[in-house]
Amino acid sequence: MLTGKERSYLRGEANEMNPLFQVGKDGISENLVKQVEDALKARELIKLRTLNNSMYTSQEAAYELAEQVNADVVQIIGNVFVLYRKNQEENKYNLH
């Protein structure tokens, strides 16, 4: 669970990022979960977009994906959301 200060720091870090993945009409498939899992392992912080033709709202997609990959939802704005999961071996973001 992230504190307000950690969440604020991560929002700033994610500000310049482009979305890596999109949740579309296929919803949250096993393939998308695997790709998000790999991206979180490599980057810790990723941005995703929910397309208008998706059967999920951004909030639904964010929390469902976060639960499946054991990540924290950092922020949801419009159709874009940010997920964070700390990498135990190689920590890129110093959260204290």
C-alpha atoms as a PDB file:
ATOM      1  CA  MET A   1       0.000   0.000   0.000  1.00  0.00           C
ATOM      2  CA  LEU A   2       1.370   3.375  -1.013  1.00  0.00           C
ATOM      3  CA  THR A   3       1.364   6.439   1.195  1.00  0.00           C
ATOM      4  CA  GLY A   4       0.173   9.802  -0.132  1.00  0.00           C
ATOM      5  CA  LYS A   5       3.757  11.031  -0.435  1.00  0.00           C
ATOM      6  CA  GLU A   6       4.868   7.936  -2.377  1.00  0.00           C
ATOM      7  CA  ARG A   7       1.826   8.152  -4.638  1.00  0.00           C
ATOM      8  CA  SER A   8       2.551  11.823  -5.329  1.00  0.00           C
ATOM      9  CA  TYR A   9       6.190  11.071  -6.204  1.00  0.00           C
ATOM     10  CA  LEU A  10       5.184   8.244  -8.559  1.00  0.00           C
ATOM     11  CA  ARG A  11       2.533  10.430 -10.255  1.00  0.00           C
ATOM     12  CA  GLY A  12       5.301  12.920 -11.036  1.00  0.00           C
ATOM     13  CA  GLU A  13       7.531  10.175 -12.434  1.00  0.00           C
ATOM     14  CA  ALA A  14       4.705   8.821 -14.615  1.00  0.00           C
ATOM     15  CA  ASN A  15       3.773  12.258 -15.941  1.00  0.00           C
ATOM     16  CA  GLU A  16       6.175  12.107 -18.904  1.00  0.00           C
ATOM     17  CA  MET A  17       5.449   8.462 -19.770  1.00  0.00           C
ATOM     18  CA  ASN A  18       3.415   7.299 -22.731  1.00  0.00           C
ATOM     19  CA  PRO A  19       0.926   4.450 -22.278  1.00  0.00           C
ATOM     20  CA  LEU A  20       2.543   1.063 -22.930  1.00  0.00           C
ATOM     21  CA  PHE A  21      -0.628  -1.000 -23.271  1.00  0.00           C
ATOM     22  CA  GLN A  22      -4.267  -0.511 -24.132  1.00  0.00           C
ATOM     23  CA  VAL A  23      -7.306  -2.257 -22.721  1.00  0.00           C
ATOM     24  CA  GLY A  24      -9.636  -2.615 -25.705  1.00  0.00           C
ATOM     25  CA  LYS A  25     -12.685  -4.575 -26.752  1.00  0.00           C
ATOM     26  CA  ASP A  26     -11.015  -7.870 -25.778  1.00  0.00           C
ATOM     27  CA  GLY A  27     -10.853  -6.686 -22.177  1.00  0.00           C
ATOM     28  CA  ILE A  28      -8.236  -8.043 -19.818  1.00  0.00           C
ATOM     29  CA  SER A  29      -6.906 -11.192 -21.453  1.00  0.00           C
ATOM     30  CA  GLU A  30      -4.259 -13.608 -20.171  1.00  0.00           C
ATOM     31  CA  ASN A  31      -1.894 -12.179 -22.764  1.00  0.00           C
ATOM     32  CA  LEU A  32      -2.376  -8.604 -21.491  1.00  0.00           C
ATOM     33  CA  VAL A  33      -1.848  -9.731 -17.889  1.00  0.00           C
ATOM     34  CA  LYS A  34       1.407 -11.477 -18.906  1.00  0.00           C
ATOM     35  CA  GLN A  35       2.642  -8.384 -20.771  1.00  0.00           C
ATOM     36  CA  VAL A  36       1.796  -6.094 -17.846  1.00  0.00           C
ATOM     37  CA  GLU A  37       3.512  -8.528 -15.472  1.00  0.00           C
ATOM     38  CA  ASP A  38       6.705  -8.462 -17.591  1.00  0.00           C
ATOM     39  CA  ALA A  39       6.616  -4.666 -17.961  1.00  0.00           C
ATOM     40  CA  LEU A  40       6.211  -4.146 -14.210  1.00  0.00           C
ATOM     41  CA  LYS A  41       9.134  -6.476 -13.565  1.00  0.00           C
ATOM     42  CA  ALA A  42      11.322  -4.464 -15.947  1.00  0.00           C
ATOM     43  CA  ARG A  43      10.088  -0.917 -15.218  1.00  0.00           C
ATOM     44  CA  GLU A  44       8.157  -0.951 -11.914  1.00  0.00           C
ATOM     45  CA  LEU A  45       5.947   1.944 -13.088  1.00  0.00           C
ATOM     46  CA  ILE A  46       3.777   1.752 -16.217  1.00  0.00           C
ATOM     47  CA  LYS A  47       0.977   3.747 -17.807  1.00  0.00           C
ATOM     48  CA  LEU A  48      -1.978   2.142 -19.590  1.00  0.00           C
ATOM     49  CA  ARG A  49      -4.945   3.415 -21.575  1.00  0.00           C
ATOM     50  CA  THR A  50      -8.527   2.161 -21.729  1.00  0.00           C
ATOM     51  CA  LEU A  51     -10.034   2.509 -25.187  1.00  0.00           C
ATOM     52  CA  ASN A  52     -13.576   3.786 -25.728  1.00  0.00           C
ATOM     53  CA  ASN A  53     -14.685   0.424 -27.167  1.00  0.00           C
ATOM     54  CA  SER A  54     -13.567  -1.435 -24.030  1.00  0.00           C
ATOM     55  CA  MET A  55     -16.165  -3.094 -21.845  1.00  0.00           C
ATOM     56  CA  TYR A  56     -14.236  -1.754 -18.823  1.00  0.00           C
ATOM     57  CA  THR A  57     -14.082   1.742 -17.392  1.00  0.00           C
ATOM     58  CA  SER A  58     -10.580   2.934 -16.571  1.00  0.00           C
ATOM     59  CA  GLN A  59     -11.241   2.438 -12.879  1.00  0.00           C
ATOM     60  CA  GLU A  60     -12.496  -1.123 -13.340  1.00  0.00           C
ATOM     61  CA  ALA A  61      -9.568  -2.017 -15.602  1.00  0.00           C
ATOM     62  CA  ALA A  62      -7.003  -0.430 -13.272  1.00  0.00           C
ATOM     63  CA  TYR A  63      -8.163  -2.235 -10.146  1.00  0.00           C
ATOM     64  CA  GLU A  64      -8.721  -5.587 -11.861  1.00  0.00           C
ATOM     65  CA  LEU A  65      -5.291  -5.536 -13.512  1.00  0.00           C
ATOM     66  CA  ALA A  66      -3.633  -4.357 -10.299  1.00  0.00           C
ATOM     67  CA  GLU A  67      -5.193  -7.244  -8.409  1.00  0.00           C
ATOM     68  CA  GLN A  68      -4.128  -9.802 -11.018  1.00  0.00           C
ATOM     69  CA  VAL A  69      -0.486  -8.646 -11.131  1.00  0.00           C
ATOM     70  CA  ASN A  70      -0.230  -7.683  -7.434  1.00  0.00           C
ATOM     71  CA  ALA A  71       0.421  -3.991  -8.135  1.00  0.00           C
ATOM     72  CA  ASP A  72      -0.746  -0.662  -6.718  1.00  0.00           C
ATOM     73  CA  VAL A  73      -2.929   1.778  -8.641  1.00  0.00           C
ATOM     74  CA  VAL A  74      -1.071   5.100  -8.548  1.00  0.00           C
ATOM     75  CA  GLN A  75      -3.554   7.262 -10.420  1.00  0.00           C
ATOM     76  CA  ILE A  76      -6.508   7.222 -12.784  1.00  0.00           C
ATOM     77  CA  ILE A  77      -7.208  10.237 -14.987  1.00  0.00           C
ATOM     78  CA  GLY A  78      -9.789   9.965 -17.742  1.00  0.00           C
ATOM     79  CA  ASN A  79      -9.000   6.850 -19.735  1.00  0.00           C
ATOM     80  CA  VAL A  80      -5.377   6.599 -18.559  1.00  0.00           C
ATOM     81  CA  PHE A  81      -4.120   4.859 -15.428  1.00  0.00           C
ATOM     82  CA  VAL A  82      -0.766   4.158 -13.801  1.00  0.00           C
ATOM     83  CA  LEU A  83       0.312   0.970 -12.019  1.00  0.00           C
ATOM     84  CA  TYR A  84       3.324   0.430  -9.734  1.00  0.00           C
ATOM     85  CA  ARG A  85       4.920  -2.705  -8.332  1.00  0.00           C
ATOM     86  CA  LYS A  86       8.226  -2.655  -6.483  1.00  0.00           C
ATOM     87  CA  ASN A  87      10.944  -4.869  -7.954  1.00  0.00           C
ATOM     88  CA  GLN A  88      12.625  -6.622  -5.029  1.00  0.00           C
ATOM     89  CA  GLU A  89      15.986  -7.194  -6.778  1.00  0.00           C
ATOM     90  CA  GLU A  90      16.413  -3.916  -8.649  1.00  0.00           C
ATOM     91  CA  ASN A  91      14.480  -1.025  -7.120  1.00  0.00           C
ATOM     92  CA  LYS A  92      14.356   1.959  -9.527  1.00  0.00           C
ATOM     93  CA  TYR A  93      12.242   4.330  -7.407  1.00  0.00           C
ATOM     94  CA  ASN A  94      13.434   5.301  -3.946  1.00  0.00           C
ATOM     95  CA  LEU A  95      10.233   5.431  -1.911  1.00  0.00           C
ATOM     96  CA  HIS A  96      10.903   6.664   1.645  1.00  0.00           C
END
